[in-house]
Amino acid sequence: MTAREQIIAADRFRRALLMLQTAGWADPEHRVKEDIRAAAVAAIEAYEAFTAAGLVAGAADRRLIGQAQQYLAKGRQDPAS
């Protein structure tokens, strides 16, 4: 992967994490399920592209990705969520 592709993947990952955080992730009282689900999916997809580019996410970013994965897994198990 070229340096330019790595920069694009890193930028996409950063934007997806920001979207995940602003979707209400940090404020449980104002969560909008559809927004959080879309943000979680986008963050996970961006993370996959980021790591495919050979880049390594920091611990805080990996924690957010883990939370997104858990949120989506819970949604598959609990249709009311």
N, C-alpha and C. Protein backbone atom coordinates (compact mmCIF):
# COMPACT_ATOMS: atom_id res chain seq x y z
N MET A 1 0.85 -1.17 0.00
CA MET A 1 0.00 0.00 0.00
C MET A 1 0.90 1.24 0.00
N THR A 2 0.51 2.22 -0.78
CA THR A 2 1.31 3.44 -0.88
C THR A 2 1.12 4.33 0.34
N ALA A 3 2.02 5.28 0.50
CA ALA A 3 1.92 6.23 1.60
C ALA A 3 0.62 7.03 1.50
N ARG A 4 0.24 7.37 0.29
CA ARG A 4 -1.00 8.14 0.09
C ARG A 4 -2.21 7.32 0.54
N GLU A 5 -2.23 6.04 0.20
CA GLU A 5 -3.33 5.17 0.62
C GLU A 5 -3.37 5.01 2.14
N GLN A 6 -2.21 4.98 2.76
CA GLN A 6 -2.16 4.91 4.22
C GLN A 6 -2.73 6.18 4.84
N ILE A 7 -2.40 7.32 4.27
CA ILE A 7 -2.93 8.59 4.77
C ILE A 7 -4.44 8.64 4.62
N ILE A 8 -4.94 8.18 3.49
CA ILE A 8 -6.39 8.15 3.26
C ILE A 8 -7.06 7.24 4.27
N ALA A 9 -6.49 6.05 4.50
CA ALA A 9 -7.06 5.11 5.47
C ALA A 9 -7.04 5.70 6.88
N ALA A 10 -5.95 6.36 7.24
CA ALA A 10 -5.85 6.97 8.56
C ALA A 10 -6.87 8.09 8.72
N ASP A 11 -7.04 8.89 7.69
CA ASP A 11 -8.02 9.99 7.75
C ASP A 11 -9.44 9.44 7.87
N ARG A 12 -9.75 8.41 7.11
CA ARG A 12 -11.07 7.80 7.17
C ARG A 12 -11.33 7.23 8.57
N PHE A 13 -10.32 6.61 9.15
CA PHE A 13 -10.45 6.03 10.48
C PHE A 13 -10.69 7.14 11.51
N ARG A 14 -9.94 8.21 11.45
CA ARG A 14 -10.10 9.33 12.38
C ARG A 14 -11.51 9.93 12.27
N ARG A 15 -11.98 10.13 11.04
CA ARG A 15 -13.32 10.70 10.85
C ARG A 15 -14.40 9.77 11.37
N ALA A 16 -14.21 8.47 11.16
CA ALA A 16 -15.20 7.49 11.63
C ALA A 16 -15.24 7.45 13.16
N LEU A 17 -14.08 7.54 13.80
CA LEU A 17 -14.05 7.56 15.25
C LEU A 17 -14.72 8.83 15.79
N LEU A 18 -14.47 9.94 15.14
CA LEU A 18 -15.12 11.19 15.55
C LEU A 18 -16.63 11.08 15.41
N MET A 19 -17.09 10.51 14.30
CA MET A 19 -18.51 10.32 14.08
C MET A 19 -19.10 9.41 15.17
N LEU A 20 -18.36 8.37 15.53
CA LEU A 20 -18.82 7.45 16.57
C LEU A 20 -18.97 8.19 17.90
N GLN A 21 -18.01 9.01 18.23
CA GLN A 21 -18.06 9.74 19.49
C GLN A 21 -19.17 10.79 19.50
N THR A 22 -19.39 11.47 18.40
CA THR A 22 -20.40 12.52 18.36
C THR A 22 -21.81 11.96 18.17
N ALA A 23 -21.92 10.69 17.87
CA ALA A 23 -23.25 10.08 17.71
C ALA A 23 -23.92 9.87 19.06
N GLY A 24 -23.25 10.23 20.11
CA GLY A 24 -23.83 10.08 21.43
C GLY A 24 -23.17 8.99 22.23
N TRP A 25 -22.10 8.43 21.70
CA TRP A 25 -21.43 7.31 22.35
C TRP A 25 -21.03 7.67 23.79
N ALA A 26 -20.54 8.88 23.99
CA ALA A 26 -20.05 9.27 25.31
C ALA A 26 -21.18 9.74 26.22
N ASP A 27 -22.37 9.94 25.70
CA ASP A 27 -23.48 10.47 26.50
C ASP A 27 -24.68 9.54 26.36
N PRO A 28 -24.80 8.54 27.24
CA PRO A 28 -25.85 7.53 27.10
C PRO A 28 -27.26 8.09 27.12
N GLU A 29 -27.47 9.24 27.73
CA GLU A 29 -28.82 9.79 27.81
C GLU A 29 -29.31 10.32 26.47
N HIS A 30 -28.42 10.61 25.56
CA HIS A 30 -28.82 11.22 24.28
C HIS A 30 -28.49 10.33 23.08
N ARG A 31 -28.38 9.07 23.32
CA ARG A 31 -28.06 8.16 22.21
C ARG A 31 -29.25 8.03 21.26
N VAL A 32 -28.94 8.05 20.02
CA VAL A 32 -29.93 7.77 18.98
C VAL A 32 -29.46 6.48 18.32
N LYS A 33 -30.24 5.43 18.48
CA LYS A 33 -29.80 4.10 18.08
C LYS A 33 -29.34 4.01 16.63
N GLU A 34 -30.08 4.62 15.73
CA GLU A 34 -29.71 4.51 14.32
C GLU A 34 -28.39 5.22 14.04
N ASP A 35 -28.20 6.38 14.67
CA ASP A 35 -26.95 7.12 14.49
C ASP A 35 -25.76 6.34 15.04
N ILE A 36 -25.94 5.76 16.21
CA ILE A 36 -24.85 5.01 16.82
C ILE A 36 -24.54 3.77 16.00
N ARG A 37 -25.58 3.09 15.52
CA ARG A 37 -25.35 1.89 14.71
C ARG A 37 -24.59 2.24 13.44
N ALA A 38 -25.01 3.30 12.75
CA ALA A 38 -24.34 3.72 11.52
C ALA A 38 -22.90 4.13 11.81
N ALA A 39 -22.69 4.83 12.90
CA ALA A 39 -21.35 5.26 13.27
C ALA A 39 -20.48 4.06 13.63
N ALA A 40 -21.05 3.09 14.33
CA ALA A 40 -20.29 1.89 14.70
C ALA A 40 -19.88 1.11 13.46
N VAL A 41 -20.78 0.94 12.53
CA VAL A 41 -20.47 0.22 11.29
C VAL A 41 -19.37 0.96 10.52
N ALA A 42 -19.50 2.28 10.39
CA ALA A 42 -18.51 3.07 9.66
C ALA A 42 -17.14 2.99 10.34
N ALA A 43 -17.12 3.04 11.68
CA ALA A 43 -15.86 2.98 12.41
C ALA A 43 -15.19 1.62 12.22
N ILE A 44 -15.96 0.56 12.28
CA ILE A 44 -15.38 -0.77 12.11
C ILE A 44 -14.84 -0.96 10.69
N GLU A 45 -15.59 -0.50 9.71
CA GLU A 45 -15.12 -0.60 8.32
C GLU A 45 -13.85 0.22 8.12
N ALA A 46 -13.81 1.41 8.70
CA ALA A 46 -12.63 2.26 8.58
C ALA A 46 -11.44 1.64 9.30
N TYR A 47 -11.69 1.02 10.45
CA TYR A 47 -10.63 0.35 11.19
C TYR A 47 -10.05 -0.81 10.37
N GLU A 48 -10.90 -1.55 9.72
CA GLU A 48 -10.42 -2.67 8.89
C GLU A 48 -9.55 -2.16 7.75
N ALA A 49 -9.95 -1.06 7.11
CA ALA A 49 -9.13 -0.47 6.05
C ALA A 49 -7.82 0.08 6.62
N PHE A 50 -7.90 0.67 7.80
CA PHE A 50 -6.73 1.23 8.48
C PHE A 50 -5.70 0.15 8.76
N THR A 51 -6.16 -0.97 9.32
CA THR A 51 -5.23 -2.05 9.64
C THR A 51 -4.75 -2.75 8.37
N ALA A 52 -5.59 -2.82 7.34
CA ALA A 52 -5.17 -3.42 6.07
C ALA A 52 -4.06 -2.59 5.42
N ALA A 53 -4.03 -1.30 5.76
CA ALA A 53 -2.98 -0.42 5.23
C ALA A 53 -1.67 -0.61 6.00
N GLY A 54 -1.69 -1.50 7.00
CA GLY A 54 -0.49 -1.76 7.77
C GLY A 54 -0.29 -0.79 8.91
N LEU A 55 -1.33 -0.04 9.25
CA LEU A 55 -1.24 0.94 10.32
C LEU A 55 -1.74 0.33 11.62
N VAL A 56 -1.29 0.88 12.73
CA VAL A 56 -1.63 0.34 14.04
C VAL A 56 -2.38 1.41 14.83
N ALA A 57 -3.55 1.06 15.33
CA ALA A 57 -4.36 1.98 16.12
C ALA A 57 -3.87 1.99 17.56
N GLY A 58 -4.05 3.13 18.20
CA GLY A 58 -3.70 3.25 19.61
C GLY A 58 -4.70 2.53 20.49
N ALA A 59 -4.34 2.39 21.75
CA ALA A 59 -5.19 1.65 22.69
C ALA A 59 -6.57 2.28 22.84
N ALA A 60 -6.64 3.60 22.92
CA ALA A 60 -7.93 4.27 23.08
C ALA A 60 -8.83 4.04 21.87
N ASP A 61 -8.22 4.06 20.68
CA ASP A 61 -8.99 3.82 19.46
C ASP A 61 -9.46 2.38 19.38
N ARG A 62 -8.61 1.45 19.78
CA ARG A 62 -9.01 0.03 19.79
C ARG A 62 -10.13 -0.20 20.79
N ARG A 63 -10.10 0.52 21.90
CA ARG A 63 -11.17 0.40 22.89
C ARG A 63 -12.50 0.86 22.29
N LEU A 64 -12.48 1.97 21.55
CA LEU A 64 -13.70 2.46 20.90
C LEU A 64 -14.22 1.45 19.87
N ILE A 65 -13.31 0.86 19.13
CA ILE A 65 -13.71 -0.15 18.14
C ILE A 65 -14.32 -1.36 18.86
N GLY A 66 -13.73 -1.76 19.96
CA GLY A 66 -14.29 -2.86 20.75
C GLY A 66 -15.69 -2.54 21.24
N GLN A 67 -15.91 -1.30 21.68
CA GLN A 67 -17.24 -0.89 22.12
C GLN A 67 -18.22 -0.92 20.96
N ALA A 68 -17.78 -0.49 19.80
CA ALA A 68 -18.65 -0.50 18.62
C ALA A 68 -19.02 -1.94 18.25
N GLN A 69 -18.06 -2.84 18.32
CA GLN A 69 -18.33 -4.25 18.01
C GLN A 69 -19.31 -4.84 19.02
N GLN A 70 -19.13 -4.51 20.29
CA GLN A 70 -20.05 -5.00 21.31
C GLN A 70 -21.45 -4.45 21.10
N TYR A 71 -21.54 -3.18 20.76
CA TYR A 71 -22.85 -2.56 20.52
C TYR A 71 -23.58 -3.26 19.38
N LEU A 72 -22.85 -3.53 18.28
CA LEU A 72 -23.48 -4.20 17.15
C LEU A 72 -23.85 -5.64 17.50
N ALA A 73 -23.00 -6.33 18.24
CA ALA A 73 -23.32 -7.71 18.64
C ALA A 73 -24.56 -7.74 19.53
N LYS A 74 -24.66 -6.81 20.43
CA LYS A 74 -25.84 -6.73 21.30
C LYS A 74 -27.09 -6.48 20.48
N GLY A 75 -26.99 -5.63 19.49
CA GLY A 75 -28.13 -5.32 18.64
C GLY A 75 -28.62 -6.52 17.85
N ARG A 76 -27.70 -7.39 17.48
CA ARG A 76 -28.09 -8.62 16.75
C ARG A 76 -28.79 -9.60 17.69
N GLN A 77 -28.43 -9.58 18.97
CA GLN A 77 -29.01 -10.51 19.93
C GLN A 77 -30.32 -9.99 20.50
N ASP A 78 -30.48 -8.67 20.56
CA ASP A 78 -31.64 -8.05 21.19
C ASP A 78 -32.33 -7.11 20.21
N PRO A 79 -33.35 -7.58 19.51
CA PRO A 79 -34.02 -6.74 18.52
C PRO A 79 -34.62 -5.47 19.11
N ALA A 80 -34.87 -5.45 20.39
CA ALA A 80 -35.45 -4.25 21.03
C ALA A 80 -34.40 -3.18 21.27
N SER A 81 -33.10 -3.51 21.11
CA SER A 81 -32.07 -2.52 21.40
C SER A 81 -31.88 -1.55 20.25
